[in-house]
Amino acid sequence: MPTFEKGLAPQEALLSTDHPAARITARGYPPAFPSSFYGRVMLNGQDAAEGTLIAVGNRGRVYAEIACFIDTDTGRPVYSIDVPADDPDTPERDGGIQGEVLQFTVGGLLADRAPAWRSGLSRECSLGADEPVLYLPLVNRASQPTIWSDASSAGLARWGAASPRW
């Protein structure tokens, strides 16, 4: 029979309190499988550049990150990521929980997809993200509006600017 430290048999070595393996605590449950996602990556309507960072998490916590790569078959940018399960033995959230809605970012921009975390599930989830666009109204103060009134419709007055046809 092979011997281990201090000449003990394998079973006795593991039961020895000074053995490193004796300090490992057993959990009363099996660990959850990760939730996996894969798919194409678009940024501002175009294929993302190789190496664009994909991050996934929730409420500012990042659970996993990976850089997109070029699929050799299609020549398109793709990603594949495993999002770990939350470890209940740690006080902070470090992974997903069943049914949690995940937030993906592509190159730091919020992605257009928000799938739910499911233990052991692997599914396609193509991602796209666009730079935010701010639309401002155009105000033309060069001319004064013309006010009109139309009281012909059953005694009701309608007020508007420039034309009664808007």
Protein backbone atom coordinates (compact mmCIF):
# COMPACT_ATOMS: atom_id res chain seq x y z
CA MET A 1 0.00 0.00 0.00
CA PRO A 2 1.43 3.44 -0.90
CA THR A 3 2.27 5.69 2.01
CA PHE A 4 1.89 9.42 2.36
CA GLU A 5 3.24 11.99 4.79
CA LYS A 6 4.37 10.65 8.14
CA GLY A 7 4.03 7.11 6.81
CA LEU A 8 0.20 7.14 7.00
CA ALA A 9 -2.10 5.25 4.68
CA PRO A 10 -4.16 7.48 2.27
CA GLN A 11 -7.33 7.36 4.39
CA GLU A 12 -5.46 8.19 7.58
CA ALA A 13 -3.57 11.01 5.88
CA LEU A 14 -6.85 12.71 4.88
CA LEU A 15 -8.23 12.38 8.41
CA SER A 16 -5.11 13.88 9.95
CA THR A 17 -5.88 17.43 11.15
CA ASP A 18 -2.53 18.77 9.99
CA HIS A 19 -3.10 17.58 6.40
CA PRO A 20 -4.12 20.41 3.97
CA ALA A 21 -7.05 18.38 2.59
CA ALA A 22 -8.54 18.14 6.09
CA ARG A 23 -9.14 21.91 6.05
CA ILE A 24 -11.49 21.72 3.06
CA THR A 25 -15.12 22.02 4.08
CA ALA A 26 -17.71 20.00 2.21
CA ARG A 27 -20.85 21.65 0.90
CA GLY A 28 -24.22 20.09 1.39
CA TYR A 29 -25.18 20.74 -2.25
CA PRO A 30 -23.58 20.32 -5.66
CA PRO A 31 -22.35 23.48 -7.42
CA ALA A 32 -24.66 24.97 -10.05
CA PHE A 33 -23.64 24.77 -13.70
CA PRO A 34 -22.88 28.05 -15.50
CA SER A 35 -25.23 29.63 -18.01
CA SER A 36 -23.54 29.86 -21.43
CA PHE A 37 -24.16 32.29 -24.27
CA TYR A 38 -22.70 32.62 -27.77
CA GLY A 39 -23.40 34.54 -30.98
CA ARG A 40 -22.44 37.37 -33.34
CA VAL A 41 -21.27 40.76 -32.14
CA MET A 42 -22.29 44.07 -33.72
CA LEU A 43 -21.24 47.58 -32.69
CA ASN A 44 -22.98 50.65 -34.14
CA GLY A 45 -24.61 48.52 -36.85
CA GLN A 46 -21.29 47.10 -38.07
CA ASP A 47 -19.32 43.97 -37.24
CA ALA A 48 -17.39 44.59 -34.02
CA ALA A 49 -13.61 44.65 -34.20
CA GLU A 50 -11.76 41.55 -33.10
CA GLY A 51 -10.89 41.90 -29.41
CA THR A 52 -13.91 44.05 -28.51
CA LEU A 53 -14.65 43.38 -24.84
CA ILE A 54 -17.93 41.63 -23.96
CA ALA A 55 -18.94 41.85 -20.29
CA VAL A 56 -21.97 40.35 -18.56
CA GLY A 57 -23.36 41.00 -15.12
CA ASN A 58 -26.12 42.83 -13.33
CA ARG A 59 -26.50 46.11 -11.44
CA GLY A 60 -22.90 47.15 -11.99
CA ARG A 61 -21.40 43.79 -10.96
CA VAL A 62 -19.45 41.97 -13.68
CA TYR A 63 -19.76 38.18 -13.56
CA ALA A 64 -17.67 37.36 -16.66
CA GLU A 65 -15.75 39.07 -19.47
CA ILE A 66 -14.31 37.91 -22.77
CA ALA A 67 -12.98 39.46 -25.98
CA CYS A 68 -14.82 38.68 -29.21
CA PHE A 69 -12.94 36.76 -31.88
CA ILE A 70 -13.33 36.11 -35.60
CA ASP A 71 -15.12 32.90 -36.59
CA THR A 72 -12.87 31.15 -39.11
CA ASP A 73 -15.86 29.70 -41.01
CA THR A 74 -17.86 32.91 -41.47
CA GLY A 75 -15.25 35.64 -40.99
CA ARG A 76 -17.66 37.37 -38.57
CA PRO A 77 -16.97 38.51 -35.00
CA VAL A 78 -18.45 36.13 -32.41
CA TYR A 79 -18.21 35.39 -28.71
CA SER A 80 -18.77 32.50 -26.35
CA ILE A 81 -19.01 33.07 -22.61
CA ASP A 82 -19.82 31.04 -19.50
CA VAL A 83 -21.54 33.03 -16.75
CA PRO A 84 -20.87 31.35 -13.40
CA ALA A 85 -23.47 30.69 -10.75
CA ASP A 86 -23.43 32.82 -7.63
CA ASP A 87 -21.44 31.22 -4.83
CA PRO A 88 -23.75 31.28 -1.78
CA ASP A 89 -20.73 30.85 0.52
CA THR A 90 -19.47 34.35 -0.31
CA PRO A 91 -21.16 37.53 0.98
CA GLU A 92 -20.93 39.38 -2.37
CA ARG A 93 -22.73 38.46 -5.57
CA ASP A 94 -20.22 36.89 -7.94
CA GLY A 95 -22.47 35.06 -10.40
CA GLY A 96 -25.99 34.60 -11.72
CA ILE A 97 -29.02 33.18 -9.97
CA GLN A 98 -31.91 31.31 -11.56
CA GLY A 99 -34.10 33.69 -13.61
CA GLU A 100 -31.90 36.76 -13.09
CA VAL A 101 -31.95 39.13 -16.07
CA LEU A 102 -28.39 39.72 -17.25
CA GLN A 103 -26.95 42.89 -18.75
CA PHE A 104 -24.42 42.55 -21.56
CA THR A 105 -22.08 45.30 -22.69
CA VAL A 106 -20.20 45.41 -25.99
CA GLY A 107 -17.18 47.70 -25.94
CA GLY A 108 -18.60 49.42 -22.86
CA LEU A 109 -22.01 50.10 -24.45
CA LEU A 110 -25.19 48.46 -23.17
CA ALA A 111 -26.24 45.65 -25.52
CA ASP A 112 -29.71 45.28 -27.01
CA ARG A 113 -30.30 41.82 -25.48
CA ALA A 114 -30.96 40.94 -21.82
CA PRO A 115 -31.40 37.17 -21.43
CA ALA A 116 -32.14 35.40 -18.15
CA TRP A 117 -29.54 33.30 -16.33
CA ARG A 118 -30.43 29.59 -16.32
CA SER A 119 -28.16 26.97 -14.77
CA GLY A 120 -26.76 24.57 -17.37
CA LEU A 121 -28.38 26.33 -20.33
CA SER A 122 -26.34 27.14 -23.43
CA ARG A 123 -28.02 29.32 -26.02
CA GLU A 124 -27.43 31.63 -28.93
CA CYS A 125 -27.67 35.32 -28.05
CA SER A 126 -26.30 37.62 -30.77
CA LEU A 127 -25.40 41.02 -29.36
CA GLY A 128 -25.62 44.51 -30.77
CA ALA A 129 -24.85 47.86 -29.17
CA ASP A 130 -25.06 51.40 -30.50
CA GLU A 131 -23.59 54.70 -29.36
CA PRO A 132 -26.33 56.74 -27.70
CA VAL A 133 -27.76 59.47 -29.89
CA LEU A 134 -29.18 62.69 -28.50
CA TYR A 135 -31.94 64.27 -30.59
CA LEU A 136 -32.60 67.95 -30.01
CA PRO A 137 -35.58 69.85 -31.39
CA LEU A 138 -34.90 72.45 -34.04
CA VAL A 139 -36.33 75.81 -33.09
CA ASN A 140 -36.51 78.45 -35.81
CA ARG A 141 -37.06 81.91 -34.32
CA ALA A 142 -36.57 83.76 -37.63
CA SER A 143 -40.29 84.13 -38.34
CA GLN A 144 -43.30 84.86 -36.17
CA PRO A 145 -46.09 82.24 -36.16
CA THR A 146 -49.43 83.21 -37.64
CA ILE A 147 -52.35 82.53 -35.32
CA TRP A 148 -55.62 81.49 -36.90
CA SER A 149 -59.01 80.55 -35.58
CA ASP A 150 -61.72 78.37 -37.07
CA ALA A 151 -65.08 78.57 -35.33
CA SER A 152 -67.07 76.91 -38.13
CA SER A 153 -67.03 73.39 -36.65
CA ALA A 154 -70.04 73.16 -34.38
CA GLY A 155 -69.18 76.36 -32.55
CA LEU A 156 -65.75 75.05 -31.37
CA ALA A 157 -62.66 77.17 -31.75
CA ARG A 158 -59.39 75.58 -32.90
CA TRP A 159 -56.14 77.43 -32.52
CA GLY A 160 -52.90 76.67 -34.29
CA ALA A 161 -49.89 78.18 -36.03
CA ALA A 162 -49.51 79.04 -39.71
CA SER A 163 -51.95 76.56 -41.28
CA PRO A 164 -55.35 75.12 -40.35
CA ARG A 165 -54.34 71.72 -41.85
CA TRP A 166 -52.08 70.30 -39.13
